[in-house]
């Protein structure tokens, strides 16, 4: 079973990132200590990530609660496949998300994905195994590996908040695109997951008004 990175390893990774990249040193200096909150993994974890996408935090929590209750309290492939798409939609899921729930469930029951074995694959292999499932994109695969398996060197370059924080860090006029974000993150190996958490923490602090975004030229 996956375990969350400990506070000391996160702190050491942040120090290494700050030393390796002055742009991240700015974010590191401004952003408080954070924890790596590990979520349940396996089928339940991946399905939940699909369910929570593109809705507010409050809506996601409500829909997931109704989904768990509707499935009898246990989210398994068999429980989801036992219900048709229309029934799943009564829990608040869109038709597309309900279909993706079925797709992931079939992938597991048919042996196309083995979540226990997934933990033994390297990051590239694990992403490839996940995106082979209809409905699972690269961002979903990468965030699943970060938040459900605690992988330290996965970087979801397609994340818009990360891209914006990278623009701030580099004092850029234009937000990097996905390809540029992946390329920019190469210097942060083998701590790209910690870099992502740091940038998210910085971004959230600035948006809440807790952190002042200063001009690096001053």
Protein backbone atom coordinates (compact mmCIF):
# COMPACT_ATOMS: atom_id res chain seq x y z
CA UNK A 1 0.00 0.00 0.00
CA UNK A 2 1.28 3.46 -0.90
CA UNK A 3 2.50 5.76 1.86
CA UNK A 4 2.65 9.53 1.82
CA UNK A 5 6.09 11.18 1.74
CA UNK A 6 7.13 12.24 5.23
CA UNK A 7 7.62 15.85 6.28
CA UNK A 8 11.42 15.55 6.40
CA UNK A 9 11.65 14.18 2.85
CA UNK A 10 9.40 16.95 1.53
CA UNK A 11 11.48 19.57 3.36
CA UNK A 12 14.71 18.14 1.95
CA UNK A 13 13.24 18.08 -1.57
CA UNK A 14 12.11 21.71 -1.26
CA UNK A 15 15.61 22.75 -0.19
CA UNK A 16 17.12 20.87 -3.12
CA UNK A 17 14.68 22.48 -5.55
CA UNK A 18 15.37 25.96 -4.20
CA UNK A 19 19.10 25.38 -4.53
CA UNK A 20 18.77 24.08 -8.08
CA UNK A 21 16.46 26.78 -9.42
CA UNK A 22 16.28 30.44 -8.30
CA UNK A 23 12.75 30.68 -9.68
CA UNK A 24 11.58 27.96 -7.30
CA UNK A 25 13.58 29.54 -4.49
CA UNK A 26 11.10 32.44 -4.64
CA UNK A 27 8.15 30.12 -4.28
CA UNK A 28 9.89 28.15 -1.54
CA UNK A 29 10.63 31.28 0.49
CA UNK A 30 6.99 32.42 0.32
CA UNK A 31 5.12 29.15 0.74
CA UNK A 32 4.51 27.59 4.18
CA UNK A 33 5.20 23.95 4.99
CA UNK A 34 2.66 21.63 3.35
CA UNK A 35 1.64 18.02 3.84
CA UNK A 36 1.31 15.47 1.07
CA UNK A 37 -2.26 14.26 1.55
CA UNK A 38 -2.48 10.74 0.19
CA UNK A 39 -5.91 9.68 -1.06
CA UNK A 40 -7.32 6.15 -1.38
CA UNK A 41 -6.03 4.49 -4.55
CA UNK A 42 -7.09 1.61 -6.75
CA UNK A 43 -10.32 1.63 -8.69
CA UNK A 44 -12.07 3.82 -6.12
CA UNK A 45 -9.35 6.46 -6.23
CA UNK A 46 -9.29 6.69 -10.02
CA UNK A 47 -13.07 6.76 -10.36
CA UNK A 48 -13.28 9.48 -7.72
CA UNK A 49 -10.80 11.63 -9.64
CA UNK A 50 -12.99 11.33 -12.72
CA UNK A 51 -16.11 12.18 -10.70
CA UNK A 52 -14.54 15.29 -9.16
CA UNK A 53 -13.19 16.83 -12.35
CA UNK A 54 -14.60 20.13 -13.65
CA UNK A 55 -16.93 20.74 -10.70
CA UNK A 56 -16.51 22.80 -7.54
CA UNK A 57 -15.04 21.25 -4.40
CA UNK A 58 -18.43 21.39 -2.69
CA UNK A 59 -20.24 19.82 -5.64
CA UNK A 60 -17.59 17.11 -5.94
CA UNK A 61 -17.96 16.19 -2.26
CA UNK A 62 -21.75 16.05 -2.55
CA UNK A 63 -21.73 13.94 -5.73
CA UNK A 64 -19.15 11.54 -4.37
CA UNK A 65 -21.11 11.11 -1.11
CA UNK A 66 -24.25 10.28 -3.08
CA UNK A 67 -22.27 7.89 -5.30
CA UNK A 68 -20.81 5.99 -2.35
CA UNK A 69 -24.23 5.76 -0.71
CA UNK A 70 -25.84 4.67 -3.97
CA UNK A 71 -23.28 1.90 -4.35
CA UNK A 72 -24.06 0.58 -0.88
CA UNK A 73 -21.06 2.12 0.83
CA UNK A 74 -18.36 0.29 -1.14
CA UNK A 75 -16.96 1.54 -4.44
CA UNK A 76 -15.84 -1.48 -6.45
CA UNK A 77 -15.85 -2.35 -10.16
CA UNK A 78 -18.56 -4.97 -9.61
CA UNK A 79 -20.77 -2.52 -7.69
CA UNK A 80 -20.48 0.10 -10.44
CA UNK A 81 -21.04 -2.39 -13.27
CA UNK A 82 -24.15 -3.67 -11.49
CA UNK A 83 -25.81 -0.31 -12.18
CA UNK A 84 -26.55 1.14 -15.59
CA UNK A 85 -25.48 4.61 -16.68
CA UNK A 86 -28.89 6.14 -16.05
CA UNK A 87 -28.88 4.90 -12.44
CA UNK A 88 -25.38 6.26 -11.88
CA UNK A 89 -26.56 9.60 -13.23
CA UNK A 90 -29.14 9.83 -10.44
CA UNK A 91 -26.20 10.26 -8.04
CA UNK A 92 -25.26 13.49 -9.80
CA UNK A 93 -22.78 12.08 -12.32
CA UNK A 94 -22.81 13.25 -15.91
CA UNK A 95 -23.53 10.57 -18.48
CA UNK A 96 -19.91 10.76 -19.65
CA UNK A 97 -18.49 10.28 -16.16
CA UNK A 98 -20.84 7.36 -15.54
CA UNK A 99 -19.62 5.74 -18.76
CA UNK A 100 -16.00 6.31 -17.74
CA UNK A 101 -16.76 4.66 -14.40
CA UNK A 102 -17.91 1.62 -16.36
CA UNK A 103 -14.86 1.75 -18.64
CA UNK A 104 -12.41 1.76 -15.71
CA UNK A 105 -14.38 -0.99 -13.98
CA UNK A 106 -14.29 -3.18 -17.08
CA UNK A 107 -10.58 -2.51 -17.51
CA UNK A 108 -10.00 -3.94 -14.05
CA UNK A 109 -12.39 -6.88 -14.25
CA UNK A 110 -11.03 -7.83 -17.68
CA UNK A 111 -7.43 -7.59 -16.47
CA UNK A 112 -6.42 -4.64 -18.64
CA UNK A 113 -5.37 -2.72 -15.53
CA UNK A 114 -4.06 -4.17 -12.28
CA UNK A 115 -3.81 -1.50 -9.62
CA UNK A 116 -1.66 -3.67 -7.36
CA UNK A 117 0.80 -4.24 -10.20
CA UNK A 118 0.63 -0.57 -11.19
CA UNK A 119 2.60 0.34 -8.08
CA UNK A 120 5.51 -1.74 -9.38
CA UNK A 121 5.67 0.07 -12.74
CA UNK A 122 7.86 3.11 -13.26
CA UNK A 123 6.18 6.47 -13.78
CA UNK A 124 6.18 6.37 -17.59
CA UNK A 125 4.84 2.81 -17.71
CA UNK A 126 2.18 3.58 -15.11
CA UNK A 127 0.94 6.65 -17.00
CA UNK A 128 0.79 4.62 -20.22
CA UNK A 129 -1.23 1.87 -18.51
CA UNK A 130 -3.73 4.37 -17.15
CA UNK A 131 -4.24 6.45 -20.29
CA UNK A 132 -4.92 3.25 -22.23
CA UNK A 133 -8.29 3.24 -20.44
CA UNK A 134 -10.98 5.25 -22.22
CA UNK A 135 -11.78 8.37 -20.22
CA UNK A 136 -8.43 8.58 -18.44
CA UNK A 137 -6.30 11.43 -19.77
CA UNK A 138 -2.70 12.22 -19.00
CA UNK A 139 -3.53 14.82 -16.34
CA UNK A 140 -5.80 12.35 -14.55
CA UNK A 141 -3.17 9.61 -14.72
CA UNK A 142 -0.43 11.87 -13.39
CA UNK A 143 -2.47 13.34 -10.55
CA UNK A 144 -3.64 9.82 -9.60
CA UNK A 145 -0.03 8.69 -9.33
CA UNK A 146 0.81 11.74 -7.23
CA UNK A 147 -2.15 11.81 -4.87
CA UNK A 148 -3.07 8.12 -4.67
CA UNK A 149 0.37 6.51 -4.89
CA UNK A 150 2.57 9.26 -3.46
CA UNK A 151 4.97 9.31 -6.40
CA UNK A 152 7.54 12.06 -5.95
CA UNK A 153 8.69 12.70 -9.52
CA UNK A 154 5.42 12.96 -11.44
CA UNK A 155 4.60 16.38 -12.90
CA UNK A 156 1.19 17.13 -14.51
CA UNK A 157 2.36 19.65 -17.07
CA UNK A 158 -1.14 20.15 -18.43
CA UNK A 159 -2.38 21.68 -15.17
CA UNK A 160 -3.34 25.31 -15.77
CA UNK A 161 -2.68 26.44 -12.18
CA UNK A 162 0.81 24.96 -12.35
CA UNK A 163 1.43 26.65 -15.68
CA UNK A 164 0.37 30.00 -14.25
CA UNK A 165 2.58 29.57 -11.17
CA UNK A 166 5.47 28.70 -13.48
CA UNK A 167 4.83 31.93 -15.39
CA UNK A 168 5.03 33.86 -12.11
CA UNK A 169 8.20 32.03 -11.07
CA UNK A 170 9.91 32.86 -14.34
CA UNK A 171 8.39 36.36 -14.60
CA UNK A 172 7.06 35.42 -18.00
CA UNK A 173 4.50 37.35 -19.99
CA UNK A 174 2.84 34.25 -21.42
CA UNK A 175 1.83 31.11 -19.54
CA UNK A 176 3.79 28.06 -20.77
CA UNK A 177 1.83 25.45 -22.69
CA UNK A 178 1.82 21.79 -21.70
CA UNK A 179 4.89 20.87 -23.74
CA UNK A 180 6.82 23.85 -22.44
CA UNK A 181 5.81 23.08 -18.85
CA UNK A 182 7.12 19.52 -19.08
CA UNK A 183 10.38 20.78 -20.56
CA UNK A 184 10.74 23.48 -17.89
CA UNK A 185 10.19 20.92 -15.12
CA UNK A 186 13.08 18.72 -16.23
CA UNK A 187 15.51 20.64 -14.02
CA UNK A 188 13.39 19.64 -11.01
CA UNK A 189 14.00 15.89 -11.33
CA UNK A 190 13.81 13.76 -9.20
CA UNK A 191 11.51 16.01 -7.15
CA UNK A 192 9.01 17.17 -9.76
CA UNK A 193 6.05 16.04 -7.66
CA UNK A 194 7.25 18.13 -4.76
CA UNK A 195 7.81 21.04 -7.17
CA UNK A 196 4.21 20.69 -8.31
CA UNK A 197 2.95 20.73 -4.71
CA UNK A 198 5.13 23.77 -3.98
CA UNK A 199 3.81 25.63 -7.02
CA UNK A 200 0.22 24.72 -6.16
CA UNK A 201 0.76 25.92 -2.60
CA UNK A 202 2.25 29.17 -3.84
CA UNK A 203 -0.53 29.65 -6.39
CA UNK A 204 -3.23 29.02 -3.80
CA UNK A 205 -1.61 31.39 -1.30
CA UNK A 206 -1.41 34.17 -3.86
CA UNK A 207 -5.01 33.65 -4.99
CA UNK A 208 -6.27 33.71 -1.38
CA UNK A 209 -4.25 36.85 -0.67
CA UNK A 210 -2.05 35.11 1.91
CA UNK A 211 1.10 35.56 -0.21
CA UNK A 212 2.14 38.74 -2.00
CA UNK A 213 3.33 38.19 -5.56
CA UNK A 214 6.37 40.43 -5.74
CA UNK A 215 8.12 41.61 -8.87
CA UNK A 216 11.37 39.57 -9.04
CA UNK A 217 13.15 42.50 -10.72
CA UNK A 218 12.74 44.73 -7.65
